[in-house]
N, C-alpha and C. Protein backbone atom coordinates (compact mmCIF):
# COMPACT_ATOMS: atom_id res chain seq x y z
N MET A 1 56.14 60.04 -36.74
CA MET A 1 54.71 59.41 -36.90
C MET A 1 53.59 60.43 -37.32
N THR A 2 52.88 59.92 -38.50
CA THR A 2 51.69 60.84 -38.23
C THR A 2 50.76 60.12 -38.22
N SER A 3 49.63 60.79 -37.78
CA SER A 3 48.45 60.65 -37.73
C SER A 3 47.19 60.39 -38.99
N VAL A 4 46.74 59.53 -38.73
CA VAL A 4 45.44 59.51 -39.83
C VAL A 4 44.17 59.16 -39.20
N ALA A 5 43.77 59.85 -39.88
CA ALA A 5 41.85 60.83 -39.04
C ALA A 5 41.50 59.35 -39.08
N VAL A 6 40.58 59.09 -38.42
CA VAL A 6 39.80 57.55 -38.83
C VAL A 6 38.31 58.22 -39.16
N PRO A 7 37.77 58.11 -40.06
CA PRO A 7 36.68 58.59 -40.97
C PRO A 7 35.62 58.19 -39.95
N ARG A 8 34.71 59.17 -39.84
CA ARG A 8 33.55 59.35 -38.99
C ARG A 8 32.08 58.18 -39.54
N ARG A 9 32.04 57.44 -39.14
CA ARG A 9 30.90 56.56 -39.63
C ARG A 9 29.65 57.18 -39.39
N VAL A 10 28.87 57.48 -38.10
CA VAL A 10 27.95 58.48 -38.19
C VAL A 10 27.95 59.82 -36.87
N LEU A 11 26.83 60.45 -37.12
CA LEU A 11 27.45 62.09 -37.03
C LEU A 11 27.84 62.04 -35.67
N ALA A 12 27.49 60.81 -34.79
CA ALA A 12 27.92 61.04 -33.17
C ALA A 12 29.23 60.75 -33.39
N ASP A 13 29.90 60.20 -33.99
CA ASP A 13 31.00 59.84 -33.93
C ASP A 13 32.10 61.00 -33.82
N ALA A 14 31.50 62.44 -34.11
CA ALA A 14 31.83 63.56 -33.97
C ALA A 14 32.05 63.88 -32.88
N ILE A 15 31.42 63.49 -31.78
CA ILE A 15 31.67 63.49 -30.55
C ILE A 15 32.63 62.67 -30.12
N PRO A 16 33.39 63.61 -28.82
CA PRO A 16 34.59 62.43 -28.79
C PRO A 16 34.25 62.00 -27.18
N GLY A 17 34.18 60.79 -26.56
CA GLY A 17 33.96 59.73 -25.81
C GLY A 17 34.01 58.32 -25.92
N GLY A 18 33.74 57.46 -24.88
CA GLY A 18 33.40 55.98 -25.47
C GLY A 18 32.15 55.91 -24.64
N ALA A 19 32.18 55.06 -23.38
CA ALA A 19 30.82 54.12 -23.07
C ALA A 19 29.90 55.26 -22.56
N VAL A 20 30.41 56.18 -22.01
CA VAL A 20 29.77 57.13 -21.13
C VAL A 20 29.00 58.15 -22.66
N ARG A 21 29.69 58.65 -23.21
CA ARG A 21 28.93 59.56 -24.29
C ARG A 21 28.11 58.69 -25.07
N ASP A 22 28.15 57.44 -25.25
CA ASP A 22 27.24 56.02 -25.75
C ASP A 22 25.95 56.08 -25.11
N ALA A 23 26.01 56.29 -23.94
CA ALA A 23 25.10 56.22 -22.99
C ALA A 23 24.17 57.26 -23.12
N LEU A 24 25.30 58.38 -22.90
CA LEU A 24 24.21 60.11 -22.92
C LEU A 24 23.68 59.79 -24.85
N LEU A 25 24.04 59.19 -25.45
CA LEU A 25 23.81 59.73 -26.47
C LEU A 25 22.29 58.90 -26.83
N VAL A 26 21.87 57.62 -26.21
CA VAL A 26 21.07 56.76 -26.39
C VAL A 26 20.10 57.27 -25.36
N ALA A 27 20.41 57.63 -25.11
CA ALA A 27 18.99 58.66 -23.56
C ALA A 27 18.99 59.74 -24.29
N ALA A 28 19.01 60.28 -24.79
CA ALA A 28 18.89 61.88 -25.22
C ALA A 28 18.18 61.15 -26.70
N GLY A 29 18.50 59.96 -27.44
CA GLY A 29 17.97 59.92 -28.57
C GLY A 29 16.95 59.22 -28.31
N SER A 30 15.97 58.51 -27.10
CA SER A 30 14.99 58.56 -26.40
C SER A 30 14.25 59.42 -25.99
N GLY A 31 15.14 60.48 -25.34
CA GLY A 31 14.06 61.95 -25.21
C GLY A 31 14.00 62.61 -26.32
N LEU A 32 14.76 62.39 -27.23
CA LEU A 32 14.28 63.45 -28.57
C LEU A 32 12.61 62.80 -29.57
N ILE A 33 12.66 61.40 -29.58
CA ILE A 33 11.69 60.34 -29.96
C ILE A 33 10.57 60.78 -28.35
N ALA A 34 10.44 60.43 -27.57
CA ALA A 34 9.25 60.92 -26.19
C ALA A 34 8.91 62.16 -26.56
N ALA A 35 9.79 63.09 -27.13
CA ALA A 35 9.59 64.69 -27.61
C ALA A 35 8.74 64.83 -28.44
N SER A 36 8.78 64.44 -29.52
CA SER A 36 8.47 64.51 -30.80
C SER A 36 7.04 63.99 -30.72
N ALA A 37 7.21 62.49 -30.03
CA ALA A 37 5.43 61.82 -29.93
C ALA A 37 5.02 63.15 -29.10
N GLN A 38 4.85 64.22 -28.78
CA GLN A 38 3.89 65.00 -28.16
C GLN A 38 3.62 65.72 -28.81
N VAL A 39 4.02 65.62 -30.31
CA VAL A 39 3.46 67.03 -31.37
C VAL A 39 2.53 65.98 -31.91
N VAL A 40 1.30 65.98 -31.85
CA VAL A 40 0.32 65.31 -32.03
C VAL A 40 -0.64 65.97 -32.80
N VAL A 41 -0.81 65.45 -33.66
CA VAL A 41 -2.55 65.26 -34.61
C VAL A 41 -3.65 64.42 -34.69
N PRO A 42 -4.84 64.37 -33.58
CA PRO A 42 -5.40 63.36 -33.83
C PRO A 42 -6.14 63.53 -34.77
N LEU A 43 -6.38 61.80 -35.75
CA LEU A 43 -6.99 61.92 -36.87
C LEU A 43 -8.26 61.28 -36.89
N PRO A 44 -9.26 62.49 -37.07
CA PRO A 44 -10.99 61.35 -36.64
C PRO A 44 -11.64 59.91 -37.54
N PHE A 45 -10.54 59.80 -38.44
CA PHE A 45 -10.70 58.90 -39.61
C PHE A 45 -9.99 57.73 -39.55
N THR A 46 -8.86 57.78 -37.99
CA THR A 46 -8.13 56.65 -38.01
C THR A 46 -7.61 56.83 -36.23
N PRO A 47 -6.90 55.15 -36.13
CA PRO A 47 -6.76 55.19 -34.55
C PRO A 47 -5.68 55.85 -34.33
N VAL A 48 -4.41 55.90 -35.63
CA VAL A 48 -3.13 56.72 -35.47
C VAL A 48 -2.98 58.10 -35.73
N PRO A 49 -2.34 58.16 -34.26
CA PRO A 49 -2.14 59.99 -34.32
C PRO A 49 -1.20 60.09 -35.57
N LEU A 50 -1.26 61.77 -35.86
CA LEU A 50 -0.18 62.19 -36.65
C LEU A 50 0.73 62.52 -36.04
N SER A 51 2.29 62.30 -36.06
CA SER A 51 2.86 62.93 -34.73
C SER A 51 4.50 63.13 -35.66
N LEU A 52 5.19 63.45 -34.96
CA LEU A 52 6.56 63.64 -35.77
C LEU A 52 7.50 62.34 -34.91
N GLN A 53 6.95 61.95 -34.51
CA GLN A 53 7.97 60.42 -33.91
C GLN A 53 8.68 59.51 -34.96
N THR A 54 8.02 59.66 -36.28
CA THR A 54 9.07 58.46 -37.02
C THR A 54 10.26 59.55 -37.89
N PHE A 55 10.08 60.46 -37.63
CA PHE A 55 10.86 61.67 -38.03
C PHE A 55 12.48 61.58 -36.95
N ALA A 56 11.88 61.58 -35.74
CA ALA A 56 12.92 61.83 -34.40
C ALA A 56 13.19 60.03 -34.72
N VAL A 57 12.93 59.36 -35.01
CA VAL A 57 13.46 57.45 -35.05
C VAL A 57 14.63 57.75 -36.12
N LEU A 58 14.01 58.01 -37.20
CA LEU A 58 15.16 58.18 -38.88
C LEU A 58 16.20 58.97 -38.37
N LEU A 59 16.02 60.35 -38.01
CA LEU A 59 16.88 60.91 -37.65
C LEU A 59 17.94 60.23 -36.16
N THR A 60 17.37 59.81 -35.29
CA THR A 60 18.28 59.15 -34.62
C THR A 60 19.30 58.32 -34.91
N GLY A 61 18.84 57.17 -35.81
CA GLY A 61 18.97 56.32 -36.40
C GLY A 61 20.33 56.63 -37.20
N ALA A 62 19.82 57.91 -38.26
CA ALA A 62 20.98 57.97 -39.64
C ALA A 62 22.12 58.62 -38.49
N ALA A 63 22.30 59.79 -36.83
CA ALA A 63 22.50 60.18 -35.85
C ALA A 63 23.61 59.38 -35.22
N LEU A 64 22.96 58.17 -34.81
CA LEU A 64 23.19 57.39 -34.36
C LEU A 64 24.37 56.18 -34.23
N GLY A 65 23.95 56.10 -35.46
CA GLY A 65 24.48 54.53 -36.04
C GLY A 65 23.39 53.00 -35.85
N LEU A 66 23.54 52.12 -36.19
CA LEU A 66 23.07 50.87 -35.81
C LEU A 66 22.78 50.55 -34.22
N ARG A 67 24.05 50.59 -33.64
CA ARG A 67 23.52 50.25 -32.11
C ARG A 67 23.41 50.81 -31.66
N ARG A 68 23.22 52.81 -31.43
CA ARG A 68 22.76 53.27 -31.00
C ARG A 68 21.80 54.07 -31.06
N GLY A 69 21.16 53.48 -32.20
CA GLY A 69 19.72 53.93 -32.96
C GLY A 69 19.22 53.42 -32.45
N ALA A 70 19.21 51.96 -32.69
CA ALA A 70 18.23 50.53 -32.63
C ALA A 70 18.20 50.91 -30.66
N ALA A 71 19.21 50.96 -30.00
CA ALA A 71 19.13 50.96 -28.42
C ALA A 71 18.60 52.54 -27.83
N SER A 72 18.39 53.31 -28.93
CA SER A 72 17.57 54.12 -28.42
C SER A 72 16.08 54.13 -28.51
N SER A 73 15.64 53.45 -29.55
CA SER A 73 14.39 53.30 -29.68
C SER A 73 14.08 51.91 -28.66
N LEU A 74 14.51 50.81 -28.66
CA LEU A 74 14.11 49.93 -27.78
C LEU A 74 14.08 50.39 -26.12
N LEU A 75 15.00 51.40 -25.68
CA LEU A 75 14.84 52.11 -24.27
C LEU A 75 13.52 52.84 -24.76
N TYR A 76 12.92 53.81 -25.92
CA TYR A 76 11.95 54.26 -25.27
C TYR A 76 10.42 53.19 -25.31
N LEU A 77 10.46 51.91 -26.28
CA LEU A 77 10.01 51.24 -26.13
C LEU A 77 9.85 50.52 -24.92
N VAL A 78 10.88 50.53 -24.55
CA VAL A 78 10.68 49.30 -23.27
C VAL A 78 10.05 50.24 -22.05
N ALA A 79 10.57 51.59 -21.76
CA ALA A 79 10.32 52.59 -20.99
C ALA A 79 8.92 52.70 -20.83
N GLY A 80 8.18 52.55 -21.71
CA GLY A 80 6.78 52.83 -22.15
C GLY A 80 6.26 52.00 -21.93
N VAL A 81 6.73 50.69 -22.02
CA VAL A 81 5.36 49.43 -21.56
C VAL A 81 5.67 49.46 -20.54
N ALA A 82 7.14 49.78 -19.74
CA ALA A 82 6.78 49.79 -18.13
C ALA A 82 6.12 50.74 -17.43
N GLY A 83 6.09 51.25 -17.85
CA GLY A 83 4.76 52.85 -17.50
C GLY A 83 4.98 54.24 -17.44
N VAL A 84 6.06 54.70 -18.33
CA VAL A 84 6.44 55.93 -18.36
C VAL A 84 5.86 56.50 -19.48
N PRO A 85 4.66 57.60 -19.51
CA PRO A 85 3.92 58.32 -20.17
C PRO A 85 4.47 59.00 -21.28
N TRP A 86 5.40 58.41 -22.29
CA TRP A 86 5.85 59.20 -23.06
C TRP A 86 6.09 58.70 -24.37
N PHE A 87 5.19 57.95 -24.25
CA PHE A 87 4.42 57.80 -25.71
C PHE A 87 3.30 58.88 -26.57
N SER A 88 2.53 58.76 -27.61
CA SER A 88 1.92 60.19 -27.87
C SER A 88 0.76 60.10 -27.39
N GLN A 89 0.98 61.29 -26.92
CA GLN A 89 -0.33 62.02 -25.59
C GLN A 89 -0.27 61.67 -24.52
N HIS A 90 1.22 61.29 -23.94
CA HIS A 90 1.67 60.83 -22.58
C HIS A 90 0.97 59.93 -22.35
N THR A 91 0.54 58.73 -23.38
CA THR A 91 0.27 57.26 -23.17
C THR A 91 1.51 56.37 -22.62
N ALA A 92 1.09 55.22 -22.06
CA ALA A 92 2.04 54.00 -21.95
C ALA A 92 1.54 52.70 -21.63
N GLY A 93 2.43 51.93 -21.90
CA GLY A 93 1.69 50.44 -22.06
C GLY A 93 2.21 49.76 -23.71
N TRP A 94 1.00 48.68 -23.78
CA TRP A 94 1.22 48.65 -24.80
C TRP A 94 -0.29 47.88 -25.98
N HIS A 95 -0.94 48.09 -25.06
CA HIS A 95 -2.69 48.23 -25.84
C HIS A 95 -3.17 49.02 -26.84
N PHE A 96 -2.27 49.08 -27.89
CA PHE A 96 -3.28 51.02 -28.47
C PHE A 96 -2.86 50.38 -30.12
N ALA A 97 -3.29 51.15 -30.67
CA ALA A 97 -3.72 50.81 -32.06
C ALA A 97 -1.95 51.18 -33.28
N SER A 98 -1.78 52.17 -32.72
CA SER A 98 0.20 52.07 -32.67
C SER A 98 1.21 51.39 -32.56
N PHE A 99 0.77 51.03 -31.03
CA PHE A 99 2.08 49.91 -30.66
C PHE A 99 2.96 49.29 -31.60
N GLY A 100 2.46 48.81 -33.12
CA GLY A 100 3.29 48.27 -33.89
C GLY A 100 4.29 49.01 -34.45
N TYR A 101 4.22 50.23 -34.43
CA TYR A 101 5.03 51.32 -35.34
C TYR A 101 5.66 51.42 -34.19
N ILE A 102 5.68 51.55 -33.02
CA ILE A 102 6.78 51.84 -32.23
C ILE A 102 8.20 50.70 -31.68
N ILE A 103 7.31 49.15 -32.69
CA ILE A 103 8.39 47.88 -32.12
C ILE A 103 9.06 48.60 -33.61
N GLY A 104 8.31 48.84 -34.77
CA GLY A 104 8.96 49.28 -35.89
C GLY A 104 9.71 49.90 -35.69
N PHE A 105 9.93 50.92 -34.77
CA PHE A 105 11.32 51.84 -34.70
C PHE A 105 12.52 51.46 -34.66
N VAL A 106 12.15 50.05 -33.52
CA VAL A 106 13.56 49.29 -33.21
C VAL A 106 14.25 49.07 -34.22
N LEU A 107 13.24 48.42 -35.56
CA LEU A 107 13.73 47.98 -36.61
C LEU A 107 14.44 49.22 -37.68
N ALA A 108 13.85 50.00 -37.65
CA ALA A 108 14.01 51.00 -38.26
C ALA A 108 15.49 52.17 -37.65
N GLY A 109 15.45 52.25 -37.04
CA GLY A 109 16.65 52.91 -35.75
C GLY A 109 18.14 51.72 -36.30
N ALA A 110 17.64 50.32 -36.23
CA ALA A 110 18.92 49.89 -36.46
C ALA A 110 19.19 50.06 -38.01
N LEU A 111 17.89 49.72 -39.15
CA LEU A 111 18.61 49.91 -40.40
C LEU A 111 18.81 50.83 -41.06
N VAL A 112 18.43 52.33 -40.11
CA VAL A 112 18.80 52.88 -41.25
C VAL A 112 20.08 53.63 -40.14
N GLY A 113 20.48 53.59 -39.07
CA GLY A 113 21.41 53.63 -38.36
C GLY A 113 22.70 52.13 -39.39
N ARG A 114 22.51 51.10 -39.66
CA ARG A 114 23.59 50.72 -40.39
C ARG A 114 23.46 51.01 -41.49
N LEU A 115 22.46 51.66 -42.37
CA LEU A 115 22.70 52.14 -43.54
C LEU A 115 23.60 53.80 -43.87
N ALA A 116 23.43 54.58 -42.46
CA ALA A 116 23.89 55.53 -42.34
C ALA A 116 25.97 55.17 -42.16
N GLU A 117 25.85 54.19 -41.53
CA GLU A 117 27.55 53.74 -41.63
C GLU A 117 27.66 53.24 -42.66
N ARG A 118 27.37 53.21 -43.41
CA ARG A 118 27.36 52.87 -45.07
C ARG A 118 27.69 53.95 -45.70
N ARG A 119 27.51 55.26 -45.31
CA ARG A 119 27.34 56.43 -46.02
C ARG A 119 26.12 56.78 -46.70
N GLY A 120 24.84 56.16 -46.13
CA GLY A 120 23.48 55.98 -46.63
C GLY A 120 22.84 57.64 -46.01
N ASP A 121 23.94 58.88 -45.55
CA ASP A 121 23.00 59.56 -45.18
C ASP A 121 23.85 60.96 -45.40
N ARG A 122 25.12 60.68 -46.66
CA ARG A 122 25.71 61.49 -47.27
C ARG A 122 25.76 62.41 -47.93
N THR A 123 24.67 62.01 -49.10
CA THR A 123 24.15 62.59 -50.04
C THR A 123 22.56 62.54 -49.95
N VAL A 124 21.97 63.78 -50.38
CA VAL A 124 20.62 63.75 -50.92
C VAL A 124 19.82 62.26 -51.48
N THR A 125 20.09 62.40 -52.52
CA THR A 125 19.72 60.78 -53.21
C THR A 125 19.70 59.81 -52.35
N ARG A 126 20.95 59.83 -51.32
CA ARG A 126 21.02 58.07 -50.24
C ARG A 126 20.38 58.98 -49.35
N THR A 127 20.28 59.76 -48.97
CA THR A 127 19.40 60.18 -47.46
C THR A 127 18.25 59.99 -47.55
N VAL A 128 17.56 60.24 -49.25
CA VAL A 128 16.15 59.99 -49.38
C VAL A 128 16.01 58.19 -49.21
N GLY A 129 16.82 57.45 -50.17
CA GLY A 129 16.54 56.04 -50.24
C GLY A 129 16.57 55.18 -48.79
N THR A 130 17.90 56.03 -47.46
CA THR A 130 17.76 55.52 -46.31
C THR A 130 16.00 55.63 -45.53
N MET A 131 16.11 57.01 -46.00
CA MET A 131 14.77 57.28 -45.33
C MET A 131 13.28 56.50 -45.52
N VAL A 132 13.78 56.45 -46.80
CA VAL A 132 12.12 55.44 -47.36
C VAL A 132 12.35 54.49 -46.81
N LEU A 133 13.35 53.65 -46.60
CA LEU A 133 13.46 52.15 -46.21
C LEU A 133 13.23 52.09 -44.57
N GLY A 134 13.43 53.04 -44.11
CA GLY A 134 13.21 53.43 -42.47
C GLY A 134 12.07 53.56 -42.40
N ASN A 135 11.09 53.95 -43.33
CA ASN A 135 9.32 54.27 -43.16
C ASN A 135 8.98 52.84 -43.44
N LEU A 136 9.27 52.20 -44.65
CA LEU A 136 8.68 50.83 -44.78
C LEU A 136 9.11 49.92 -43.61
N ALA A 137 10.16 50.28 -43.13
CA ALA A 137 10.08 48.92 -41.96
C ALA A 137 9.49 49.34 -40.58
N ILE A 138 8.73 50.27 -40.45
CA ILE A 138 8.19 50.99 -39.26
C ILE A 138 6.44 50.22 -39.97
N TYR A 139 6.48 50.66 -41.25
CA TYR A 139 4.72 50.56 -41.55
C TYR A 139 5.02 48.76 -41.28
N ALA A 140 5.68 47.81 -42.39
CA ALA A 140 5.98 46.35 -41.69
C ALA A 140 5.67 45.77 -40.77
N CYS A 141 5.99 46.73 -39.10
CA CYS A 141 5.62 46.03 -38.56
C CYS A 141 4.02 47.10 -37.76
N GLY A 142 4.10 47.86 -38.19
CA GLY A 142 2.65 48.52 -38.05
C GLY A 142 1.30 48.55 -38.25
N VAL A 143 1.69 48.18 -39.81
CA VAL A 143 0.58 47.39 -40.62
C VAL A 143 -0.23 46.48 -39.75
N PRO A 144 1.01 45.13 -39.11
CA PRO A 144 -0.02 44.04 -38.79
C PRO A 144 -0.68 43.97 -37.52
N TRP A 145 0.38 44.99 -36.78
CA TRP A 145 -0.30 44.81 -35.43
C TRP A 145 -1.51 46.14 -35.70
N LEU A 146 -2.20 46.73 -36.91
CA LEU A 146 -3.10 47.30 -36.45
C LEU A 146 -3.98 46.52 -36.97
N MET A 147 -3.76 45.41 -38.31
CA MET A 147 -4.71 44.41 -38.58
C MET A 147 -5.10 43.77 -37.54
N ALA A 148 -4.06 43.54 -36.41
CA ALA A 148 -4.47 42.85 -35.62
C ALA A 148 -5.53 43.52 -34.28
N TYR A 149 -4.71 44.20 -33.92
CA TYR A 149 -5.49 45.55 -32.89
C TYR A 149 -7.07 46.00 -33.36
N ALA A 150 -7.66 46.14 -34.82
CA ALA A 150 -8.76 46.55 -35.17
C ALA A 150 -9.04 45.75 -35.55
N HIS A 151 -8.70 44.43 -35.72
CA HIS A 151 -9.88 43.67 -36.77
C HIS A 151 -10.17 43.60 -38.05
N VAL A 152 -9.32 44.34 -38.59
CA VAL A 152 -9.21 44.90 -39.91
C VAL A 152 -8.40 44.00 -40.96
N GLY A 153 -8.98 43.78 -42.20
CA GLY A 153 -8.10 43.09 -43.22
C GLY A 153 -6.86 44.35 -43.84
N PHE A 154 -6.00 43.93 -44.47
CA PHE A 154 -4.83 44.40 -44.83
C PHE A 154 -5.38 45.43 -45.76
N ALA A 155 -6.25 45.87 -46.82
CA ALA A 155 -6.71 47.13 -47.45
C ALA A 155 -6.90 48.03 -46.13
N ARG A 156 -7.75 47.68 -45.62
CA ARG A 156 -8.31 48.17 -44.69
C ARG A 156 -7.40 49.25 -43.89
N ALA A 157 -6.24 48.16 -43.19
CA ALA A 157 -5.42 48.75 -42.28
C ALA A 157 -4.25 49.71 -43.20
N LEU A 158 -3.93 49.44 -44.30
CA LEU A 158 -3.23 49.96 -45.13
C LEU A 158 -4.25 51.84 -45.44
N ALA A 159 -5.25 51.63 -45.36
CA ALA A 159 -6.02 53.10 -45.18
C ALA A 159 -5.74 53.86 -44.39
N LEU A 160 -6.01 53.00 -43.20
CA LEU A 160 -6.41 53.93 -41.50
C LEU A 160 -4.20 54.25 -40.86
N GLY A 161 -3.59 53.04 -41.40
CA GLY A 161 -2.42 53.40 -41.14
C GLY A 161 -1.03 53.69 -42.05
N VAL A 162 -1.87 53.90 -43.48
CA VAL A 162 -0.52 54.25 -44.07
C VAL A 162 -0.85 55.57 -45.09
N VAL A 163 -1.73 55.14 -45.36
CA VAL A 163 -2.01 56.63 -46.91
C VAL A 163 -2.09 57.77 -46.39
N PRO A 164 -3.03 57.85 -45.06
CA PRO A 164 -3.13 58.75 -44.55
C PRO A 164 -1.99 59.45 -44.09
N PHE A 165 -0.82 59.44 -44.17
CA PHE A 165 0.52 59.59 -43.80
C PHE A 165 1.83 59.63 -44.42
N LEU A 166 1.07 59.48 -45.55
CA LEU A 166 2.46 59.36 -46.48
C LEU A 166 2.84 60.66 -47.24
N VAL A 167 1.68 61.63 -47.10
CA VAL A 167 2.28 63.04 -47.48
C VAL A 167 3.28 63.45 -46.48
N GLY A 168 3.22 63.09 -45.02
CA GLY A 168 3.43 63.85 -43.69
C GLY A 168 5.14 63.30 -43.98
N ASP A 169 4.95 61.76 -44.63
CA ASP A 169 6.37 60.85 -44.17
C ASP A 169 6.85 61.45 -45.02
N GLY A 170 6.51 61.80 -46.08
CA GLY A 170 7.51 62.36 -47.99
C GLY A 170 8.10 63.74 -47.08
N LEU A 171 7.52 64.51 -46.26
CA LEU A 171 7.85 65.85 -46.15
C LEU A 171 9.12 65.23 -45.47
N LYS A 172 8.94 64.40 -44.30
CA LYS A 172 9.89 63.74 -43.77
C LYS A 172 11.15 63.91 -43.93
N VAL A 173 11.13 62.64 -44.66
CA VAL A 173 12.28 62.42 -45.40
C VAL A 173 13.04 63.42 -46.46
N VAL A 174 12.06 64.78 -47.11
CA VAL A 174 12.88 65.73 -47.85
C VAL A 174 13.60 66.80 -46.66
N LEU A 175 12.77 66.74 -45.41
CA LEU A 175 13.55 67.39 -44.76
C LEU A 175 14.91 66.60 -44.16
N ALA A 176 15.10 65.70 -44.07
CA ALA A 176 16.24 64.53 -43.42
C ALA A 176 16.95 64.53 -44.72
N ALA A 177 16.63 64.52 -45.77
CA ALA A 177 17.56 64.55 -46.87
C ALA A 177 18.35 65.86 -47.07
N GLY A 178 17.78 67.49 -46.43
CA GLY A 178 18.50 68.50 -46.33
C GLY A 178 19.57 68.37 -45.36
N LEU A 179 18.91 67.85 -44.15
CA LEU A 179 19.47 68.29 -43.20
C LEU A 179 20.66 67.15 -42.72
N LEU A 180 20.75 65.98 -43.45
CA LEU A 180 21.73 65.33 -42.81
C LEU A 180 22.85 65.37 -43.67
N PRO A 181 22.82 65.48 -45.23
CA PRO A 181 24.05 65.70 -45.62
C PRO A 181 24.54 66.99 -45.82
N SER A 182 24.08 68.37 -45.27
CA SER A 182 24.18 69.54 -45.13
C SER A 182 25.08 69.61 -43.40
N ALA A 183 25.10 68.33 -42.72
CA ALA A 183 25.39 68.23 -41.33
C ALA A 183 27.12 67.47 -41.90
N TRP A 184 27.06 66.53 -42.93
CA TRP A 184 28.08 66.04 -43.07
C TRP A 184 28.50 67.49 -43.79
N ARG A 185 28.58 68.06 -44.33
CA ARG A 185 29.49 69.03 -44.89
C ARG A 185 29.87 69.73 -44.02
N ALA A 186 28.91 70.34 -43.03
CA ALA A 186 29.41 71.55 -41.86
C ALA A 186 30.85 70.36 -41.27
N LEU A 187 30.37 69.21 -41.15
CA LEU A 187 32.07 68.47 -40.44
C LEU A 187 33.21 68.57 -40.94
N GLY A 188 32.90 68.54 -42.28
CA GLY A 188 34.17 68.83 -43.69
C GLY A 188 34.74 67.64 -43.79
N LYS A 189 35.48 67.92 -44.49
CA LYS A 189 36.29 66.61 -45.76
C LYS A 189 36.45 65.35 -45.06
N ASP A 190 37.06 65.16 -43.68
CA ASP A 190 37.08 63.82 -42.98
C ASP A 190 36.06 63.03 -42.72
N ALA A 191 34.93 64.10 -42.72
CA ALA A 191 33.50 62.74 -42.73
C ALA A 191 33.22 61.98 -43.46
């Protein structure tokens, strides 16, 4: 009898285990997002702070896949709304300018996770595309929330909640495009 190696769908599948592993990975993903939320640079011209959250969300989605990636972001969102002070600058709740982006984290975690399951994180080019789509999913939720919260129009919301972050998000995409394919190469050819 020969054994057939099952290809790994996402990086987390390289870790043996079942439901307990998945629960720990989801909790760890939420913890990573929460820790990255504390790396903050408040910008005086926008109510949305600069943080590393989006990078952690996209990396978590890619590493964990659709279900676990979305669950990590959802756990982060639900626990923060319930009062865990792990949103940016140790805040909790939902009534603040950047909450829409946190809602977008769930969508982005699912989207990036699904694309990673379909090998969207195996090459630099595919990873760039995957990460850009993930960022767009975050913006798609964050901008309308910012419009409603700040009582501004679409153009002003873009100026406050997208434009100041494009360079940083581009750098995060480039970093992910180096990290993820390298991790797959380290796992070997059956990945």
